[in-house]
Amino acid sequence: MTEQEEEAIIIAEALAGSQKAYAHLVERHRQPLFHVINRIVRNSDASNDLVQETFMKAFASLASYRSEFRFSTWLYKIAANSSIDFLRKRRIQALSLDRPFETEDGSVEIEVPDNSYNPEMDLEKKQQKFTIEEAIGSLPHKYREVIIHRHQEDKSYEEIADLLDIPVGTVKARIFRARELLKKKLKNI
């Protein structure tokens, strides 16, 4: 009789309510299961608890075990999922910014500085925008209008060609030339 066939018989006995069969399965898989869990959570006490939890979950859903798979593989899957759940719960220890934080000396309001606004950066962006608009405004009319349609109004080459009643190739050439002129004007920004 193979090990898998022997285990199938023990599982059938456990499903029938045999405490001896349950004890045999626990004894057979406890140590390897502990090593698998401990490699994930790296905490002996937690690993022992998770071994117990794994067996409880496994025995509660033993009827759903399919014998074409190895019992140990099914058990390790339950153990891995329990271990991952444990790590997730342990990691989520968030501190609410809306509620006061309780200490031995009383409660403390948490104030978080807002570093998102930078007046210098804001001023720099406004100056860049002004400089770009000024450079676009200084372009010859035929280049300025294609750049405005393309980049400020987000129109396609075809739409610009229809609006200005010129071929698409001319639109592309004017946009290329306008960009070249803008690069020269904005070179030092």
Protein backbone atom coordinates (compact mmCIF):
# COMPACT_ATOMS: atom_id res chain seq x y z
CA MET A 1 0.00 0.00 0.00
CA THR A 2 1.38 3.43 -0.98
CA GLU A 3 1.64 6.30 1.46
CA GLN A 4 -1.08 8.19 -0.43
CA GLU A 5 -3.45 5.19 -0.25
CA GLU A 6 -2.72 4.79 3.47
CA GLU A 7 -3.41 8.49 4.02
CA ALA A 8 -6.69 8.23 2.06
CA ILE A 9 -7.84 5.52 4.47
CA ILE A 10 -6.86 7.63 7.51
CA ILE A 11 -8.71 10.64 6.07
CA ALA A 12 -11.81 8.53 5.47
CA GLU A 13 -11.64 7.35 9.10
CA ALA A 14 -11.23 10.94 10.29
CA LEU A 15 -14.27 11.96 8.25
CA ALA A 16 -16.18 9.14 9.90
CA GLY A 17 -15.31 10.69 13.28
CA SER A 18 -12.30 8.66 14.42
CA GLN A 19 -10.29 10.68 16.97
CA LYS A 20 -7.39 8.29 16.51
CA ALA A 21 -7.29 9.10 12.77
CA TYR A 22 -7.32 12.86 13.52
CA ALA A 23 -4.49 12.42 16.03
CA HIS A 24 -2.49 10.39 13.48
CA LEU A 25 -2.85 13.12 10.82
CA VAL A 26 -1.84 15.83 13.30
CA GLU A 27 1.18 13.85 14.49
CA ARG A 28 2.29 13.06 10.94
CA HIS A 29 2.09 16.65 9.67
CA ARG A 30 2.69 18.86 12.72
CA GLN A 31 6.48 19.23 12.44
CA PRO A 32 6.73 19.77 8.65
CA LEU A 33 3.81 22.20 8.87
CA PHE A 34 5.55 24.14 11.66
CA HIS A 35 8.68 24.50 9.50
CA VAL A 36 6.69 25.77 6.52
CA ILE A 37 4.79 28.32 8.62
CA ASN A 38 7.87 29.41 10.58
CA ARG A 39 9.73 30.13 7.33
CA ILE A 40 6.92 32.53 6.41
CA VAL A 41 6.20 34.30 9.72
CA ARG A 42 9.62 33.89 11.43
CA ASN A 43 8.11 33.71 14.90
CA SER A 44 7.99 30.40 16.84
CA ASP A 45 5.06 31.29 19.09
CA ALA A 46 3.00 32.58 16.20
CA SER A 47 3.99 29.52 14.15
CA ASN A 48 2.72 27.17 16.86
CA ASP A 49 -0.57 29.08 16.95
CA LEU A 50 -0.83 28.98 13.17
CA VAL A 51 -0.19 25.21 13.13
CA GLN A 52 -3.18 24.79 15.46
CA GLU A 53 -5.27 27.16 13.35
CA THR A 54 -4.31 25.29 10.18
CA PHE A 55 -5.41 21.94 11.63
CA MET A 56 -8.66 23.47 12.86
CA LYS A 57 -9.40 24.90 9.39
CA ALA A 58 -8.33 21.67 7.69
CA PHE A 59 -10.51 19.45 9.86
CA ALA A 60 -13.46 21.81 9.54
CA SER A 61 -13.25 21.55 5.75
CA LEU A 62 -11.89 18.00 5.47
CA ALA A 63 -14.95 16.96 3.47
CA SER A 64 -13.85 19.36 0.69
CA TYR A 65 -10.42 17.68 0.37
CA ARG A 66 -10.05 15.99 -3.02
CA SER A 67 -8.08 12.75 -2.90
CA GLU A 68 -6.46 13.22 -6.32
CA PHE A 69 -4.13 15.72 -4.63
CA ARG A 70 -1.71 14.98 -1.84
CA PHE A 71 -3.11 15.75 1.59
CA SER A 72 0.12 17.46 2.62
CA THR A 73 -0.09 19.84 -0.36
CA TRP A 74 -3.67 20.77 0.56
CA LEU A 75 -2.64 21.25 4.19
CA TYR A 76 0.38 23.41 3.26
CA LYS A 77 -1.87 25.60 1.11
CA ILE A 78 -4.14 26.22 4.10
CA ALA A 79 -1.06 26.93 6.25
CA ALA A 80 0.40 29.37 3.73
CA ASN A 81 -2.89 31.27 3.45
CA SER A 82 -3.24 31.44 7.24
CA SER A 83 0.35 32.69 7.53
CA ILE A 84 -0.18 35.38 4.91
CA ASP A 85 -3.39 36.49 6.66
CA PHE A 86 -1.46 36.66 9.94
CA LEU A 87 1.25 38.84 8.38
CA ARG A 88 -1.34 41.16 6.81
CA LYS A 89 -3.15 41.63 10.11
CA ARG A 90 0.11 42.28 11.92
CA ARG A 91 1.22 44.85 9.34
CA ILE A 92 -2.02 46.85 9.49
CA GLN A 93 -1.59 48.89 12.64
CA ALA A 94 -2.59 52.28 11.32
CA LEU A 95 -2.78 55.44 13.34
CA SER A 96 -5.84 57.60 12.75
CA LEU A 97 -5.12 61.26 12.11
CA ASP A 98 -8.72 62.20 12.93
CA ARG A 99 -8.76 60.97 16.52
CA PRO A 100 -6.55 62.10 19.39
CA PHE A 101 -3.77 59.70 20.37
CA GLU A 102 -4.07 58.47 23.96
CA THR A 103 -0.92 58.54 26.13
CA GLU A 104 -0.26 58.11 29.84
CA ASP A 105 -0.38 61.89 30.24
CA GLY A 106 -3.67 62.34 28.37
CA SER A 107 -4.67 62.70 24.76
CA VAL A 108 -2.57 64.36 22.08
CA GLU A 109 -3.81 65.78 18.79
CA ILE A 110 -1.69 64.76 15.83
CA GLU A 111 -0.75 67.54 13.46
CA VAL A 112 0.73 66.63 10.12
CA PRO A 113 2.46 69.39 8.19
CA ASP A 114 1.28 70.02 4.63
CA ASN A 115 4.41 70.03 2.51
CA SER A 116 2.54 69.85 -0.77
CA TYR A 117 2.45 73.61 -1.41
CA ASN A 118 5.72 75.21 -2.37
CA PRO A 119 5.36 78.94 -3.22
CA GLU A 120 8.71 79.06 -5.01
CA MET A 121 7.76 76.15 -7.26
CA ASP A 122 4.37 77.73 -7.90
CA LEU A 123 6.00 81.01 -8.90
CA GLU A 124 8.51 79.19 -11.12
CA LYS A 125 5.72 77.31 -12.93
CA LYS A 126 3.77 80.54 -13.46
CA GLN A 127 6.89 82.21 -14.86
CA GLN A 128 7.53 79.26 -17.20
CA LYS A 129 3.93 79.30 -18.39
CA PHE A 130 4.12 83.05 -19.03
CA THR A 131 7.41 82.66 -20.91
CA ILE A 132 6.00 79.84 -23.07
CA GLU A 133 2.84 81.83 -23.84
CA GLU A 134 4.99 84.83 -24.71
CA ALA A 135 7.15 82.68 -27.02
CA ILE A 136 4.06 81.24 -28.73
CA GLY A 137 2.64 84.75 -29.11
CA SER A 138 5.82 85.92 -30.84
CA LEU A 139 5.60 83.23 -33.54
CA PRO A 140 4.49 84.21 -37.03
CA HIS A 141 0.69 83.88 -37.37
CA LYS A 142 0.69 80.68 -39.50
CA TYR A 143 2.88 78.84 -36.95
CA ARG A 144 1.16 80.27 -33.89
CA GLU A 145 -2.31 79.13 -34.99
CA VAL A 146 -1.27 75.50 -35.67
CA ILE A 147 0.54 75.26 -32.31
CA ILE A 148 -2.46 76.68 -30.45
CA HIS A 149 -4.85 74.28 -32.20
CA ARG A 150 -2.57 71.30 -31.61
CA HIS A 151 -1.27 71.83 -28.06
CA GLN A 152 -3.78 74.09 -26.34
CA GLU A 153 -6.98 72.86 -27.99
CA ASP A 154 -5.69 69.28 -28.45
CA LYS A 155 -6.91 68.98 -32.04
CA SER A 156 -5.69 66.30 -34.45
CA TYR A 157 -3.72 67.11 -37.61
CA GLU A 158 -6.80 66.34 -39.69
CA GLU A 159 -9.02 68.66 -37.62
CA ILE A 160 -6.49 71.49 -37.95
CA ALA A 161 -6.26 70.90 -41.70
CA ASP A 162 -10.07 71.13 -41.99
CA LEU A 163 -10.23 74.28 -39.83
CA LEU A 164 -7.53 76.10 -41.76
CA ASP A 165 -8.45 74.59 -45.14
CA ILE A 166 -4.89 73.40 -45.82
CA PRO A 167 -3.43 69.94 -46.51
CA VAL A 168 -2.45 67.69 -43.54
CA GLY A 169 1.16 67.68 -44.77
CA THR A 170 1.26 71.48 -44.51
CA VAL A 171 -0.11 71.28 -40.96
CA LYS A 172 2.62 68.81 -39.98
CA ALA A 173 5.33 70.95 -41.58
CA ARG A 174 4.09 74.13 -39.84
CA ILE A 175 3.90 72.39 -36.46
CA PHE A 176 7.42 71.03 -36.94
CA ARG A 177 8.73 74.49 -37.90
CA ALA A 178 6.84 76.15 -34.99
CA ARG A 179 8.34 73.68 -32.51
CA GLU A 180 11.83 74.37 -33.86
CA LEU A 181 11.32 78.12 -33.45
CA LEU A 182 9.97 77.59 -29.90
CA LYS A 183 12.99 75.43 -28.98
CA LYS A 184 15.30 78.25 -29.99
CA LYS A 185 13.29 80.87 -28.07
CA LEU A 186 12.93 78.70 -24.95
CA LYS A 187 16.43 77.24 -24.98
CA ASN A 188 17.49 78.98 -21.76
CA ILE A 189 14.45 78.07 -19.62
